[in-house]
Amino acid sequence: MSYYDDVYELVKRIPPGKVSTYGRIAQLTTVPRGAGGVGWALAGLTPDLALTVPWWRVINAAGRISNEFNATLQRELLEAEGVVFDQRGYVDLELCLWGGE
């Protein structure tokens, strides 16, 4: 299994209504490569994989969306799952952070 596949399998485990961060996913991989590696893996999703890997559930450690290309879509998908953003565009990580189980 490749590093990207490892990232994708972890992201698939994040349940609807929960989020994780790039750094937390990186820590859970078999070969931690940092948050940037997770970002590259998610950016490399093919259109078919993007339908089965819930990339929108991964946000930055501050609790914000950092995906500049699909930020509006990402927020819409998260809100459709019940994730709430405050007025500044932050998610309350204490409420929504997936524990990795």
PDB file of N, CA and C in Angstrom:
ATOM      1  N   MET A   1       0.850  -1.183   0.000  1.00  0.00           N
ATOM      2  CA  MET A   1       0.000   0.000   0.000  1.00  0.00           C
ATOM      3  C   MET A   1       0.890   1.238   0.000  1.00  0.00           C
ATOM      4  N   SER A   2       0.532   2.216  -0.811  1.00  0.00           N
ATOM      5  CA  SER A   2       1.323   3.444  -0.887  1.00  0.00           C
ATOM      6  C   SER A   2       0.951   4.402   0.246  1.00  0.00           C
ATOM      7  N   TYR A   3       1.784   5.404   0.436  1.00  0.00           N
ATOM      8  CA  TYR A   3       1.490   6.422   1.451  1.00  0.00           C
ATOM      9  C   TYR A   3       0.124   7.057   1.180  1.00  0.00           C
ATOM     10  N   TYR A   4      -0.136   7.405  -0.077  1.00  0.00           N
ATOM     11  CA  TYR A   4      -1.421   8.027  -0.410  1.00  0.00           C
ATOM     12  C   TYR A   4      -2.577   7.090  -0.054  1.00  0.00           C
ATOM     13  N   ASP A   5      -2.428   5.801  -0.365  1.00  0.00           N
ATOM     14  CA  ASP A   5      -3.483   4.840  -0.024  1.00  0.00           C
ATOM     15  C   ASP A   5      -3.698   4.787   1.485  1.00  0.00           C
ATOM     16  N   ASP A   6      -2.606   4.856   2.240  1.00  0.00           N
ATOM     17  CA  ASP A   6      -2.682   4.858   3.705  1.00  0.00           C
ATOM     18  C   ASP A   6      -3.498   6.068   4.182  1.00  0.00           C
ATOM     19  N   VAL A   7      -3.210   7.233   3.614  1.00  0.00           N
ATOM     20  CA  VAL A   7      -3.958   8.452   3.957  1.00  0.00           C
ATOM     21  C   VAL A   7      -5.434   8.276   3.609  1.00  0.00           C
ATOM     22  N   TYR A   8      -5.717   7.771   2.425  1.00  0.00           N
ATOM     23  CA  TYR A   8      -7.103   7.620   1.985  1.00  0.00           C
ATOM     24  C   TYR A   8      -7.881   6.676   2.902  1.00  0.00           C
ATOM     25  N   GLU A   9      -7.259   5.581   3.313  1.00  0.00           N
ATOM     26  CA  GLU A   9      -7.934   4.631   4.199  1.00  0.00           C
ATOM     27  C   GLU A   9      -8.257   5.277   5.550  1.00  0.00           C
ATOM     28  N   LEU A  10      -7.355   6.100   6.057  1.00  0.00           N
ATOM     29  CA  LEU A  10      -7.607   6.801   7.319  1.00  0.00           C
ATOM     30  C   LEU A  10      -8.742   7.811   7.168  1.00  0.00           C
ATOM     31  N   VAL A  11      -8.715   8.586   6.103  1.00  0.00           N
ATOM     32  CA  VAL A  11      -9.740   9.611   5.885  1.00  0.00           C
ATOM     33  C   VAL A  11     -11.115   8.961   5.723  1.00  0.00           C
ATOM     34  N   LYS A  12     -11.167   7.787   5.119  1.00  0.00           N
ATOM     35  CA  LYS A  12     -12.445   7.073   4.966  1.00  0.00           C
ATOM     36  C   LYS A  12     -13.057   6.706   6.312  1.00  0.00           C
ATOM     37  N   ARG A  13     -12.262   6.638   7.353  1.00  0.00           N
ATOM     38  CA  ARG A  13     -12.761   6.262   8.676  1.00  0.00           C
ATOM     39  C   ARG A  13     -13.389   7.432   9.434  1.00  0.00           C
ATOM     40  N   ILE A  14     -13.203   8.656   8.968  1.00  0.00           N
ATOM     41  CA  ILE A  14     -13.786   9.825   9.647  1.00  0.00           C
ATOM     42  C   ILE A  14     -15.294   9.797   9.400  1.00  0.00           C
ATOM     43  N   PRO A  15     -16.085   9.712  10.467  1.00  0.00           N
ATOM     44  CA  PRO A  15     -17.542   9.622  10.264  1.00  0.00           C
ATOM     45  C   PRO A  15     -18.158  10.971   9.870  1.00  0.00           C
ATOM     46  N   PRO A  16     -19.321  10.919   9.238  1.00  0.00           N
ATOM     47  CA  PRO A  16     -20.036  12.154   8.917  1.00  0.00           C
ATOM     48  C   PRO A  16     -20.250  12.982  10.187  1.00  0.00           C
ATOM     49  N   GLY A  17     -20.116  14.285  10.054  1.00  0.00           N
ATOM     50  CA  GLY A  17     -20.299  15.189  11.182  1.00  0.00           C
ATOM     51  C   GLY A  17     -19.051  15.390  12.015  1.00  0.00           C
ATOM     52  N   LYS A  18     -17.973  14.707  11.653  1.00  0.00           N
ATOM     53  CA  LYS A  18     -16.695  14.848  12.351  1.00  0.00           C
ATOM     54  C   LYS A  18     -15.639  15.337  11.363  1.00  0.00           C
ATOM     55  N   VAL A  19     -14.562  15.899  11.889  1.00  0.00           N
ATOM     56  CA  VAL A  19     -13.440  16.339  11.069  1.00  0.00           C
ATOM     57  C   VAL A  19     -12.147  15.833  11.692  1.00  0.00           C
ATOM     58  N   SER A  20     -11.096  15.862  10.915  1.00  0.00           N
ATOM     59  CA  SER A  20      -9.758  15.632  11.435  1.00  0.00           C
ATOM     60  C   SER A  20      -8.877  16.704  10.827  1.00  0.00           C
ATOM     61  N   THR A  21      -7.642  16.755  11.290  1.00  0.00           N
ATOM     62  CA  THR A  21      -6.709  17.738  10.747  1.00  0.00           C
ATOM     63  C   THR A  21      -5.648  17.019   9.923  1.00  0.00           C
ATOM     64  N   TYR A  22      -5.010  17.772   9.061  1.00  0.00           N
ATOM     65  CA  TYR A  22      -3.933  17.206   8.243  1.00  0.00           C
ATOM     66  C   TYR A  22      -2.858  16.586   9.142  1.00  0.00           C
ATOM     67  N   GLY A  23      -2.502  17.272  10.208  1.00  0.00           N
ATOM     68  CA  GLY A  23      -1.464  16.793  11.109  1.00  0.00           C
ATOM     69  C   GLY A  23      -1.848  15.527  11.845  1.00  0.00           C
ATOM     70  N   ARG A  24      -3.099  15.440  12.277  1.00  0.00           N
ATOM     71  CA  ARG A  24      -3.546  14.234  12.994  1.00  0.00           C
ATOM     72  C   ARG A  24      -3.575  13.030  12.064  1.00  0.00           C
ATOM     73  N   ILE A  25      -4.010  13.226  10.842  1.00  0.00           N
ATOM     74  CA  ILE A  25      -3.983  12.126   9.874  1.00  0.00           C
ATOM     75  C   ILE A  25      -2.529  11.708   9.632  1.00  0.00           C
ATOM     76  N   ALA A  26      -1.644  12.670   9.499  1.00  0.00           N
ATOM     77  CA  ALA A  26      -0.224  12.355   9.280  1.00  0.00           C
ATOM     78  C   ALA A  26       0.331  11.524  10.428  1.00  0.00           C
ATOM     79  N   GLN A  27      -0.038  11.850  11.654  1.00  0.00           N
ATOM     80  CA  GLN A  27       0.445  11.101  12.818  1.00  0.00           C
ATOM     81  C   GLN A  27      -0.039   9.659  12.810  1.00  0.00           C
ATOM     82  N   LEU A  28      -1.199   9.411  12.226  1.00  0.00           N
ATOM     83  CA  LEU A  28      -1.780   8.077  12.209  1.00  0.00           C
ATOM     84  C   LEU A  28      -1.268   7.194  11.073  1.00  0.00           C
ATOM     85  N   THR A  29      -0.571   7.794  10.108  1.00  0.00           N
ATOM     86  CA  THR A  29      -0.072   7.000   8.983  1.00  0.00           C
ATOM     87  C   THR A  29       1.095   6.136   9.426  1.00  0.00           C
ATOM     88  N   THR A  30       1.361   5.120   8.642  1.00  0.00           N
ATOM     89  CA  THR A  30       2.459   4.210   8.970  1.00  0.00           C
ATOM     90  C   THR A  30       3.819   4.876   8.830  1.00  0.00           C
ATOM     91  N   VAL A  31       3.917   5.841   7.938  1.00  0.00           N
ATOM     92  CA  VAL A  31       5.164   6.585   7.752  1.00  0.00           C
ATOM     93  C   VAL A  31       4.821   8.073   7.792  1.00  0.00           C
ATOM     94  N   PRO A  32       4.785   8.652   8.998  1.00  0.00           N
ATOM     95  CA  PRO A  32       4.394  10.066   9.097  1.00  0.00           C
ATOM     96  C   PRO A  32       5.260  10.979   8.234  1.00  0.00           C
ATOM     97  N   ARG A  33       4.617  11.748   7.392  1.00  0.00           N
ATOM     98  CA  ARG A  33       5.321  12.686   6.513  1.00  0.00           C
ATOM     99  C   ARG A  33       4.874  14.115   6.758  1.00  0.00           C
ATOM    100  N   GLY A  34       4.156  14.337   7.822  1.00  0.00           N
ATOM    101  CA  GLY A  34       3.708  15.682   8.136  1.00  0.00           C
ATOM    102  C   GLY A  34       2.414  16.044   7.442  1.00  0.00           C
ATOM    103  N   ALA A  35       1.882  17.162   7.893  1.00  0.00           N
ATOM    104  CA  ALA A  35       0.599  17.634   7.382  1.00  0.00           C
ATOM    105  C   ALA A  35       0.644  17.881   5.882  1.00  0.00           C
ATOM    106  N   GLY A  36       1.769  18.361   5.394  1.00  0.00           N
ATOM    107  CA  GLY A  36       1.895  18.645   3.957  1.00  0.00           C
ATOM    108  C   GLY A  36       1.725  17.405   3.100  1.00  0.00           C
ATOM    109  N   GLY A  37       2.233  16.282   3.586  1.00  0.00           N
ATOM    110  CA  GLY A  37       2.082  15.031   2.851  1.00  0.00           C
ATOM    111  C   GLY A  37       0.630  14.626   2.719  1.00  0.00           C
ATOM    112  N   VAL A  38      -0.145  14.853   3.782  1.00  0.00           N
ATOM    113  CA  VAL A  38      -1.575  14.548   3.739  1.00  0.00           C
ATOM    114  C   VAL A  38      -2.267  15.479   2.747  1.00  0.00           C
ATOM    115  N   GLY A  39      -1.898  16.746   2.769  1.00  0.00           N
ATOM    116  CA  GLY A  39      -2.467  17.701   1.811  1.00  0.00           C
ATOM    117  C   GLY A  39      -2.190  17.299   0.374  1.00  0.00           C
ATOM    118  N   TRP A  40      -0.970  16.875   0.104  1.00  0.00           N
ATOM    119  CA  TRP A  40      -0.618  16.435  -1.250  1.00  0.00           C
ATOM    120  C   TRP A  40      -1.414  15.191  -1.630  1.00  0.00           C
ATOM    121  N   ALA A  41      -1.571  14.267  -0.685  1.00  0.00           N
ATOM    122  CA  ALA A  41      -2.332  13.052  -0.968  1.00  0.00           C
ATOM    123  C   ALA A  41      -3.776  13.395  -1.338  1.00  0.00           C
ATOM    124  N   LEU A  42      -4.395  14.282  -0.571  1.00  0.00           N
ATOM    125  CA  LEU A  42      -5.784  14.647  -0.850  1.00  0.00           C
ATOM    126  C   LEU A  42      -5.901  15.454  -2.135  1.00  0.00           C
ATOM    127  N   ALA A  43      -4.920  16.288  -2.412  1.00  0.00           N
ATOM    128  CA  ALA A  43      -4.928  17.051  -3.666  1.00  0.00           C
ATOM    129  C   ALA A  43      -4.763  16.121  -4.865  1.00  0.00           C
ATOM    130  N   GLY A  44      -4.171  14.954  -4.632  1.00  0.00           N
ATOM    131  CA  GLY A  44      -3.933  14.006  -5.709  1.00  0.00           C
ATOM    132  C   GLY A  44      -5.074  13.039  -5.964  1.00  0.00           C
ATOM    133  N   LEU A  45      -6.189  13.220  -5.264  1.00  0.00           N
ATOM    134  CA  LEU A  45      -7.336  12.331  -5.490  1.00  0.00           C
ATOM    135  C   LEU A  45      -7.834  12.429  -6.925  1.00  0.00           C
ATOM    136  N   THR A  46      -8.071  11.287  -7.532  1.00  0.00           N
ATOM    137  CA  THR A  46      -8.702  11.281  -8.848  1.00  0.00           C
ATOM    138  C   THR A  46     -10.188  11.593  -8.650  1.00  0.00           C
ATOM    139  N   PRO A  47     -10.884  12.022  -9.693  1.00  0.00           N
ATOM    140  CA  PRO A  47     -12.318  12.290  -9.543  1.00  0.00           C
ATOM    141  C   PRO A  47     -13.089  11.090  -8.976  1.00  0.00           C
ATOM    142  N   ASP A  48     -12.743   9.878  -9.398  1.00  0.00           N
ATOM    143  CA  ASP A  48     -13.424   8.687  -8.878  1.00  0.00           C
ATOM    144  C   ASP A  48     -13.153   8.498  -7.392  1.00  0.00           C
ATOM    145  N   LEU A  49     -11.891   8.633  -6.985  1.00  0.00           N
ATOM    146  CA  LEU A  49     -11.553   8.472  -5.567  1.00  0.00           C
ATOM    147  C   LEU A  49     -12.177   9.566  -4.715  1.00  0.00           C
ATOM    148  N   ALA A  50     -12.298  10.758  -5.267  1.00  0.00           N
ATOM    149  CA  ALA A  50     -12.877  11.879  -4.519  1.00  0.00           C
ATOM    150  C   ALA A  50     -14.340  11.621  -4.157  1.00  0.00           C
ATOM    151  N   LEU A  51     -14.958  10.648  -4.822  1.00  0.00           N
ATOM    152  CA  LEU A  51     -16.338  10.287  -4.502  1.00  0.00           C
ATOM    153  C   LEU A  51     -16.406   9.327  -3.316  1.00  0.00           C
ATOM    154  N   THR A  52     -15.313   8.616  -3.028  1.00  0.00           N
ATOM    155  CA  THR A  52     -15.320   7.624  -1.956  1.00  0.00           C
ATOM    156  C   THR A  52     -14.436   8.002  -0.767  1.00  0.00           C
ATOM    157  N   VAL A  53     -13.523   8.942  -0.960  1.00  0.00           N
ATOM    158  CA  VAL A  53     -12.662   9.419   0.127  1.00  0.00           C
ATOM    159  C   VAL A  53     -13.196  10.787   0.563  1.00  0.00           C
ATOM    160  N   PRO A  54     -13.720  10.905   1.778  1.00  0.00           N
ATOM    161  CA  PRO A  54     -14.333  12.172   2.206  1.00  0.00           C
ATOM    162  C   PRO A  54     -13.295  13.250   2.549  1.00  0.00           C
ATOM    163  N   TRP A  55     -12.632  13.746   1.526  1.00  0.00           N
ATOM    164  CA  TRP A  55     -11.558  14.734   1.644  1.00  0.00           C
ATOM    165  C   TRP A  55     -12.017  15.985   2.387  1.00  0.00           C
ATOM    166  N   TRP A  56     -13.302  16.306   2.284  1.00  0.00           N
ATOM    167  CA  TRP A  56     -13.834  17.530   2.886  1.00  0.00           C
ATOM    168  C   TRP A  56     -13.807  17.495   4.412  1.00  0.00           C
ATOM    169  N   ARG A  57     -13.619  16.319   4.997  1.00  0.00           N
ATOM    170  CA  ARG A  57     -13.601  16.188   6.455  1.00  0.00           C
ATOM    171  C   ARG A  57     -12.229  16.477   7.055  1.00  0.00           C
ATOM    172  N   VAL A  58     -11.264  16.862   6.239  1.00  0.00           N
ATOM    173  CA  VAL A  58      -9.916  17.176   6.734  1.00  0.00           C
ATOM    174  C   VAL A  58      -9.704  18.688   6.624  1.00  0.00           C
ATOM    175  N   ILE A  59      -9.435  19.307   7.785  1.00  0.00           N
ATOM    176  CA  ILE A  59      -9.232  20.760   7.852  1.00  0.00           C
ATOM    177  C   ILE A  59      -7.907  21.032   8.559  1.00  0.00           C
ATOM    178  N   ASN A  60      -7.568  22.296   8.705  1.00  0.00           N
ATOM    179  CA  ASN A  60      -6.283  22.590   9.341  1.00  0.00           C
ATOM    180  C   ASN A  60      -6.403  22.584  10.868  1.00  0.00           C
ATOM    181  N   ALA A  61      -5.259  22.624  11.524  1.00  0.00           N
ATOM    182  CA  ALA A  61      -5.193  22.494  12.985  1.00  0.00           C
ATOM    183  C   ALA A  61      -5.858  23.651  13.724  1.00  0.00           C
ATOM    184  N   ALA A  62      -6.068  24.766  13.039  1.00  0.00           N
ATOM    185  CA  ALA A  62      -6.752  25.900  13.651  1.00  0.00           C
ATOM    186  C   ALA A  62      -8.270  25.724  13.614  1.00  0.00           C
ATOM    187  N   GLY A  63      -8.742  24.723  12.864  1.00  0.00           N
ATOM    188  CA  GLY A  63     -10.175  24.505  12.740  1.00  0.00           C
ATOM    189  C   GLY A  63     -10.791  25.209  11.552  1.00  0.00           C
ATOM    190  N   ARG A  64      -9.962  25.507  10.569  1.00  0.00           N
ATOM    191  CA  ARG A  64     -10.443  26.217   9.378  1.00  0.00           C
ATOM    192  C   ARG A  64     -10.196  25.409   8.120  1.00  0.00           C
ATOM    193  N   ILE A  65     -10.915  25.749   7.102  1.00  0.00           N
ATOM    194  CA  ILE A  65     -10.679  25.173   5.783  1.00  0.00           C
ATOM    195  C   ILE A  65      -9.487  25.888   5.164  1.00  0.00           C
ATOM    196  N   SER A  66      -8.532  25.121   4.690  1.00  0.00           N
ATOM    197  CA  SER A  66      -7.368  25.745   4.056  1.00  0.00           C
ATOM    198  C   SER A  66      -7.257  25.356   2.588  1.00  0.00           C
ATOM    199  N   ASN A  67      -8.267  24.684   2.076  1.00  0.00           N
ATOM    200  CA  ASN A  67      -8.312  24.271   0.678  1.00  0.00           C
ATOM    201  C   ASN A  67      -8.798  25.466  -0.148  1.00  0.00           C
ATOM    202  N   GLU A  68      -7.897  26.147  -0.798  1.00  0.00           N
ATOM    203  CA  GLU A  68      -8.287  27.361  -1.514  1.00  0.00           C
ATOM    204  C   GLU A  68      -9.023  27.095  -2.822  1.00  0.00           C
ATOM    205  N   PHE A  69      -8.953  25.882  -3.335  1.00  0.00           N
ATOM    206  CA  PHE A  69      -9.592  25.587  -4.620  1.00  0.00           C
ATOM    207  C   PHE A  69     -11.051  25.172  -4.477  1.00  0.00           C
ATOM    208  N   ASN A  70     -11.372  24.474  -3.400  1.00  0.00           N
ATOM    209  CA  ASN A  70     -12.736  23.974  -3.201  1.00  0.00           C
ATOM    210  C   ASN A  70     -13.297  24.373  -1.840  1.00  0.00           C
ATOM    211  N   ALA A  71     -12.910  25.526  -1.335  1.00  0.00           N
ATOM    212  CA  ALA A  71     -13.311  25.929   0.017  1.00  0.00           C
ATOM    213  C   ALA A  71     -14.832  26.030   0.169  1.00  0.00           C
ATOM    214  N   THR A  72     -15.505  26.602  -0.793  1.00  0.00           N
ATOM    215  CA  THR A  72     -16.960  26.750  -0.696  1.00  0.00           C
ATOM    216  C   THR A  72     -17.633  25.389  -0.703  1.00  0.00           C
ATOM    217  N   LEU A  73     -17.219  24.513  -1.611  1.00  0.00           N
ATOM    218  CA  LEU A  73     -17.771  23.169  -1.674  1.00  0.00           C
ATOM    219  C   LEU A  73     -17.476  22.409  -0.386  1.00  0.00           C
ATOM    220  N   GLN A  74     -16.266  22.539   0.122  1.00  0.00           N
ATOM    221  CA  GLN A  74     -15.896  21.836   1.345  1.00  0.00           C
ATOM    222  C   GLN A  74     -16.779  22.274   2.507  1.00  0.00           C
ATOM    223  N   ARG A  75     -16.986  23.566   2.631  1.00  0.00           N
ATOM    224  CA  ARG A  75     -17.842  24.058   3.718  1.00  0.00           C
ATOM    225  C   ARG A  75     -19.278  23.563   3.546  1.00  0.00           C
ATOM    226  N   GLU A  76     -19.796  23.603   2.328  1.00  0.00           N
ATOM    227  CA  GLU A  76     -21.158  23.128   2.077  1.00  0.00           C
ATOM    228  C   GLU A  76     -21.314  21.656   2.439  1.00  0.00           C
ATOM    229  N   LEU A  77     -20.319  20.831   2.082  1.00  0.00           N
ATOM    230  CA  LEU A  77     -20.381  19.408   2.388  1.00  0.00           C
ATOM    231  C   LEU A  77     -20.332  19.167   3.897  1.00  0.00           C
ATOM    232  N   LEU A  78     -19.480  19.904   4.584  1.00  0.00           N
ATOM    233  CA  LEU A  78     -19.391  19.759   6.043  1.00  0.00           C
ATOM    234  C   LEU A  78     -20.678  20.210   6.723  1.00  0.00           C
ATOM    235  N   GLU A  79     -21.207  21.347   6.300  1.00  0.00           N
ATOM    236  CA  GLU A  79     -22.449  21.844   6.896  1.00  0.00           C
ATOM    237  C   GLU A  79     -23.611  20.881   6.641  1.00  0.00           C
ATOM    238  N   ALA A  80     -23.619  20.237   5.483  1.00  0.00           N
ATOM    239  CA  ALA A  80     -24.666  19.261   5.174  1.00  0.00           C
ATOM    240  C   ALA A  80     -24.607  18.062   6.118  1.00  0.00           C
ATOM    241  N   GLU A  81     -23.422  17.813   6.684  1.00  0.00           N
ATOM    242  CA  GLU A  81     -23.247  16.717   7.644  1.00  0.00           C
ATOM    243  C   GLU A  81     -23.446  17.176   9.084  1.00  0.00           C
ATOM    244  N   GLY A  82     -23.759  18.462   9.273  1.00  0.00           N
ATOM    245  CA  GLY A  82     -24.026  18.974  10.610  1.00  0.00           C
ATOM    246  C   GLY A  82     -22.865  19.676  11.284  1.00  0.00           C
ATOM    247  N   VAL A  83     -21.753  19.851  10.573  1.00  0.00           N
ATOM    248  CA  VAL A  83     -20.615  20.574  11.151  1.00  0.00           C
ATOM    249  C   VAL A  83     -20.948  22.064  11.132  1.00  0.00           C
ATOM    250  N   VAL A  84     -20.768  22.719  12.283  1.00  0.00           N
ATOM    251  CA  VAL A  84     -21.122  24.132  12.434  1.00  0.00           C
ATOM    252  C   VAL A  84     -19.853  24.983  12.404  1.00  0.00           C
ATOM    253  N   PHE A  85     -19.929  26.082  11.671  1.00  0.00           N
ATOM    254  CA  PHE A  85     -18.843  27.059  11.609  1.00  0.00           C
ATOM    255  C   PHE A  85     -19.270  28.299  12.371  1.00  0.00           C
ATOM    256  N   ASP A  86     -18.319  28.942  13.039  1.00  0.00           N
ATOM    257  CA  ASP A  86     -18.649  30.203  13.703  1.00  0.00           C
ATOM    258  C   ASP A  86     -18.576  31.346  12.686  1.00  0.00           C
ATOM    259  N   GLN A  87     -18.799  32.565  13.164  1.00  0.00           N
ATOM    260  CA  GLN A  87     -18.835  33.726  12.269  1.00  0.00           C
ATOM    261  C   GLN A  87     -17.507  33.962  11.559  1.00  0.00           C
ATOM    262  N   ARG A  88     -16.420  33.489  12.150  1.00  0.00           N
ATOM    263  CA  ARG A  88     -15.099  33.687  11.542  1.00  0.00           C
ATOM    264  C   ARG A  88     -14.699  32.537  10.622  1.00  0.00           C
ATOM    265  N   GLY A  89     -15.563  31.513  10.510  1.00  0.00           N
ATOM    266  CA  GLY A  89     -15.271  30.385   9.640  1.00  0.00           C
ATOM    267  C   GLY A  89     -14.504  29.257  10.302  1.00  0.00           C
ATOM    268  N   TYR A  90     -14.570  29.198  11.630  1.00  0.00           N
ATOM    269  CA  TYR A  90     -13.875  28.154  12.382  1.00  0.00           C
ATOM    270  C   TYR A  90     -14.850  27.066  12.827  1.00  0.00           C
ATOM    271  N   VAL A  91     -14.334  25.836  12.887  1.00  0.00           N
ATOM    272  CA  VAL A  91     -15.062  24.694  13.437  1.00  0.00           C
ATOM    273  C   VAL A  91     -14.571  24.502  14.867  1.00  0.00           C
ATOM    274  N   ASP A  92     -15.464  24.200  15.781  1.00  0.00           N
ATOM    275  CA  ASP A  92     -15.077  23.917  17.160  1.00  0.00           C
ATOM    276  C   ASP A  92     -14.498  22.500  17.203  1.00  0.00           C
ATOM    277  N   LEU A  93     -13.177  22.417  17.258  1.00  0.00           N
ATOM    278  CA  LEU A  93     -12.516  21.113  17.234  1.00  0.00           C
ATOM    279  C   LEU A  93     -12.835  20.280  18.474  1.00  0.00           C
ATOM    280  N   GLU A  94     -13.137  20.921  19.585  1.00  0.00           N
ATOM    281  CA  GLU A  94     -13.492  20.158  20.788  1.00  0.00           C
ATOM    282  C   GLU A  94     -14.777  19.365  20.571  1.00  0.00           C
ATOM    283  N   LEU A  95     -15.664  19.871  19.750  1.00  0.00           N
ATOM    284  CA  LEU A  95     -16.930  19.184  19.474  1.00  0.00           C
ATOM    285  C   LEU A  95     -16.846  18.234  18.286  1.00  0.00           C
ATOM    286  N   CYS A  96     -16.071  18.605  17.292  1.00  0.00           N
ATOM    287  CA  CYS A  96     -16.130  17.892  16.006  1.00  0.00           C
ATOM    288  C   CYS A  96     -14.924  17.046  15.659  1.00  0.00           C
ATOM    289  N   LEU A  97     -13.874  17.095  16.450  1.00  0.00           N
ATOM    290  CA  LEU A  97     -12.642  16.385  16.087  1.00  0.00           C
ATOM    291  C   LEU A  97     -12.798  14.885  16.268  1.00  0.00           C
ATOM    292  N   TRP A  98     -12.497  14.146  15.207  1.00  0.00           N
ATOM    293  CA  TRP A  98     -12.533  12.686  15.228  1.00  0.00           C
ATOM    294  C   TRP A  98     -11.320  12.184  15.994  1.00  0.00           C
ATOM    295  N   GLY A  99     -11.533  11.239  16.885  1.00  0.00           N
ATOM    296  CA  GLY A  99     -10.461  10.743  17.738  1.00  0.00           C
ATOM    297  C   GLY A  99      -9.521   9.749  17.088  1.00  0.00           C
ATOM    298  N   GLY A 100      -9.847   9.259  15.907  1.00  0.00           N
ATOM    299  CA  GLY A 100      -8.963   8.322  15.223  1.00  0.00           C
ATOM    300  C   GLY A 100      -9.266   6.871  15.491  1.00  0.00           C
ATOM    301  N   GLU A 101     -10.356   6.619  16.189  1.00  0.00           N
ATOM    302  CA  GLU A 101     -10.690   5.232  16.505  1.00  0.00           C
ATOM    303  C   GLU A 101     -11.299   4.520  15.327  1.00  0.00           C
TER     304      GLU A 101
END
